[in-house]
Amino acid sequence: GAVYLPLDPGQPVQRQQYILENSGAMLLLHDGTHPLAAAEFPALNIAAPPVGDGASAHAYVTADQDAPCMALYTSGTTGQPKGVLLSQRNLSHFTAWYAEHVSLNEHSRVLQFSTLSFDSSIIDIFPTWLSGAELVVPDEDQRRDPLQLVRVLQQGITHAFLPPALLS
């Protein structure tokens, strides 16, 4: 199976390139605006996918539960990002546990406050999808400006995983 490797577009391009090269990524899925989506790195613009006959060229693959499904890059103590792999078993168990722990359901509205470069984005994204809940993604101004963030929170957000410093 494939391994999900989130790249935060807000991170420096050199860091993103290092992560892509270090991880051995084989394809960059992007929205048509990524600076690394060039001839030297295989990329697919998901905003304008190639038109085909509709038939899938790829067979459905069932991977082992202990196979990696996600790679996260930490800040690294040496200054270079360091990759950590999560298995399908780890991610699925954590996702199911967290969704139940915070009582997510199809009526929940979850704020994705964490950017993709932080491991806490897992808490925002995967349990939300598993529960059929709505993921609310603020823009950068709304993330940075506490007054704008409060306005977003007042729009029916039922769950938000926020840093304690922000709440104080």
Protein backbone atom coordinates (compact mmCIF):
# COMPACT_ATOMS: atom_id res chain seq x y z
CA GLY A 1 0.00 0.00 0.00
CA ALA A 2 0.87 3.65 -0.19
CA VAL A 3 2.21 5.76 2.65
CA TYR A 4 0.67 9.16 3.41
CA LEU A 5 3.33 11.84 3.88
CA PRO A 6 1.85 15.25 4.75
CA LEU A 7 3.77 18.30 3.60
CA ASP A 8 2.88 21.63 5.13
CA PRO A 9 2.87 24.26 2.37
CA GLY A 10 3.74 26.85 5.02
CA GLN A 11 7.12 25.20 5.62
CA PRO A 12 10.20 26.32 3.65
CA VAL A 13 10.51 24.69 0.22
CA GLN A 14 14.00 23.38 1.09
CA ARG A 15 12.55 21.51 4.10
CA GLN A 16 9.77 20.04 1.97
CA GLN A 17 12.28 18.95 -0.67
CA TYR A 18 14.48 17.32 1.99
CA ILE A 19 11.46 15.42 3.36
CA LEU A 20 10.43 14.22 -0.11
CA GLU A 21 13.96 13.08 -0.95
CA ASN A 22 14.71 11.56 2.48
CA SER A 23 11.45 9.62 2.57
CA GLY A 24 11.91 8.18 -0.91
CA ALA A 25 8.51 9.55 -1.93
CA MET A 26 7.57 8.44 -5.42
CA LEU A 27 4.79 10.92 -6.20
CA LEU A 28 3.77 14.38 -5.00
CA LEU A 29 0.03 14.99 -4.99
CA HIS A 30 -0.58 18.75 -5.15
CA ASP A 31 -3.21 21.37 -5.93
CA GLY A 32 -1.49 22.90 -8.96
CA THR A 33 0.48 25.50 -7.04
CA HIS A 34 3.27 23.53 -5.33
CA PRO A 35 6.74 24.84 -6.23
CA LEU A 36 8.28 21.34 -6.18
CA ALA A 37 5.80 19.97 -8.71
CA ALA A 38 8.27 20.12 -11.55
CA ALA A 39 9.84 17.74 -14.03
CA GLU A 40 12.54 16.64 -11.55
CA PHE A 41 9.97 15.27 -9.08
CA PRO A 42 7.03 13.11 -10.23
CA ALA A 43 3.81 14.93 -9.39
CA LEU A 44 0.06 14.75 -9.95
CA ASN A 45 -2.12 17.85 -9.87
CA ILE A 46 -5.27 16.63 -8.09
CA ALA A 47 -7.08 19.88 -8.95
CA ALA A 48 -6.90 18.87 -12.62
CA PRO A 49 -6.51 15.08 -12.77
CA PRO A 50 -5.82 13.48 -16.13
CA VAL A 51 -8.95 12.45 -17.98
CA GLY A 52 -9.19 8.71 -18.60
CA ASP A 53 -11.77 6.13 -19.49
CA GLY A 54 -12.91 5.88 -15.85
CA ALA A 55 -11.49 2.39 -15.36
CA SER A 56 -8.96 2.01 -12.59
CA ALA A 57 -5.54 0.90 -13.71
CA HIS A 58 -4.70 -0.17 -10.18
CA ALA A 59 -6.03 -3.20 -8.39
CA TYR A 60 -7.33 -2.91 -4.84
CA VAL A 61 -4.48 -3.77 -2.48
CA THR A 62 -4.89 -5.03 1.05
CA ALA A 63 -1.81 -4.28 3.12
CA ASP A 64 -0.66 -5.97 6.29
CA GLN A 65 -1.91 -4.18 9.44
CA ASP A 66 1.67 -3.68 10.58
CA ALA A 67 2.73 -2.14 7.28
CA PRO A 68 3.45 1.59 7.36
CA CYS A 69 0.63 3.85 6.20
CA MET A 70 1.82 7.28 7.32
CA ALA A 71 5.13 9.07 7.73
CA LEU A 72 5.50 12.13 9.92
CA TYR A 73 8.59 14.28 10.00
CA THR A 74 9.50 15.84 13.34
CA SER A 75 11.61 18.95 13.79
CA GLY A 76 14.63 16.78 14.58
CA THR A 77 17.21 17.52 17.27
CA THR A 78 19.98 17.91 14.68
CA GLY A 79 18.14 20.55 12.68
CA GLN A 80 17.23 18.04 9.98
CA PRO A 81 13.69 16.65 9.97
CA LYS A 82 13.46 13.04 11.14
CA GLY A 83 10.85 10.63 9.79
CA VAL A 84 8.64 8.44 11.97
CA LEU A 85 6.42 5.72 10.51
CA LEU A 86 2.96 4.79 11.76
CA SER A 87 1.49 1.40 10.95
CA GLN A 88 -2.06 0.86 9.77
CA ARG A 89 -2.77 -0.87 13.07
CA ASN A 90 -1.41 2.08 15.12
CA LEU A 91 -3.30 4.70 13.15
CA SER A 92 -6.60 2.82 13.00
CA HIS A 93 -6.59 1.93 16.71
CA PHE A 94 -5.68 5.46 17.77
CA THR A 95 -8.24 6.99 15.41
CA ALA A 96 -11.07 4.76 16.66
CA TRP A 97 -10.10 5.25 20.31
CA TYR A 98 -9.91 9.04 20.04
CA ALA A 99 -13.20 9.34 18.13
CA GLU A 100 -14.94 7.39 20.88
CA HIS A 101 -13.05 9.16 23.69
CA VAL A 102 -14.25 12.63 22.62
CA SER A 103 -17.67 11.40 21.40
CA LEU A 104 -17.33 12.38 17.75
CA ASN A 105 -20.31 11.68 15.52
CA GLU A 106 -21.78 12.75 12.18
CA HIS A 107 -23.13 15.97 13.77
CA SER A 108 -19.73 17.08 15.11
CA ARG A 109 -17.82 20.02 13.63
CA VAL A 110 -14.09 19.68 14.27
CA LEU A 111 -11.56 22.48 13.92
CA GLN A 112 -8.32 21.53 12.16
CA PHE A 113 -6.11 23.97 14.02
CA SER A 114 -2.85 22.04 13.68
CA THR A 115 -0.97 22.39 10.44
CA LEU A 116 0.06 19.26 8.57
CA SER A 117 3.63 19.51 9.88
CA PHE A 118 2.49 18.75 13.44
CA ASP A 119 1.60 15.26 14.64
CA SER A 120 -1.46 16.66 16.40
CA SER A 121 -3.06 17.12 12.97
CA ILE A 122 -3.78 13.38 13.20
CA ILE A 123 -6.17 14.15 16.08
CA ASP A 124 -7.98 16.72 13.97
CA ILE A 125 -8.26 14.84 10.69
CA PHE A 126 -8.57 11.06 10.90
CA PRO A 127 -11.06 10.65 13.78
CA THR A 128 -13.22 13.32 12.13
CA TRP A 129 -13.32 11.42 8.85
CA LEU A 130 -13.91 8.11 10.62
CA SER A 131 -16.93 9.58 12.42
CA GLY A 132 -18.45 11.21 9.35
CA ALA A 133 -18.04 14.58 11.07
CA GLU A 134 -17.27 17.89 9.38
CA LEU A 135 -13.65 19.10 9.33
CA VAL A 136 -13.43 22.91 9.46
CA VAL A 137 -10.12 24.18 8.08
CA PRO A 138 -9.36 27.81 8.96
CA ASP A 139 -7.13 29.92 6.74
CA GLU A 140 -3.75 31.13 8.02
CA ASP A 141 -5.11 34.51 9.18
CA GLN A 142 -7.80 32.76 11.23
CA ARG A 143 -5.18 30.49 12.80
CA ARG A 144 -2.87 33.35 13.76
CA ASP A 145 -5.37 36.00 14.89
CA PRO A 146 -7.09 35.06 18.17
CA LEU A 147 -10.11 37.27 17.41
CA GLN A 148 -10.65 35.65 14.02
CA LEU A 149 -10.16 32.21 15.58
CA VAL A 150 -12.84 32.96 18.17
CA ARG A 151 -15.24 33.87 15.34
CA VAL A 152 -14.52 30.52 13.69
CA LEU A 153 -15.06 28.69 16.98
CA GLN A 154 -18.41 30.44 17.40
CA GLN A 155 -19.64 28.93 14.12
CA GLY A 156 -20.77 25.70 15.73
CA ILE A 157 -17.38 24.09 16.34
CA THR A 158 -18.00 21.19 18.72
CA HIS A 159 -14.41 19.91 19.03
CA ALA A 160 -11.06 21.70 18.91
CA PHE A 161 -7.62 20.47 19.97
CA LEU A 162 -5.81 23.71 20.82
CA PRO A 163 -2.45 24.47 22.46
CA PRO A 164 -2.80 25.52 26.12
CA ALA A 165 -0.84 28.74 25.50
CA LEU A 166 -3.48 29.86 23.02
CA LEU A 167 -6.27 29.32 25.52
CA SER A 168 -4.60 31.36 28.27
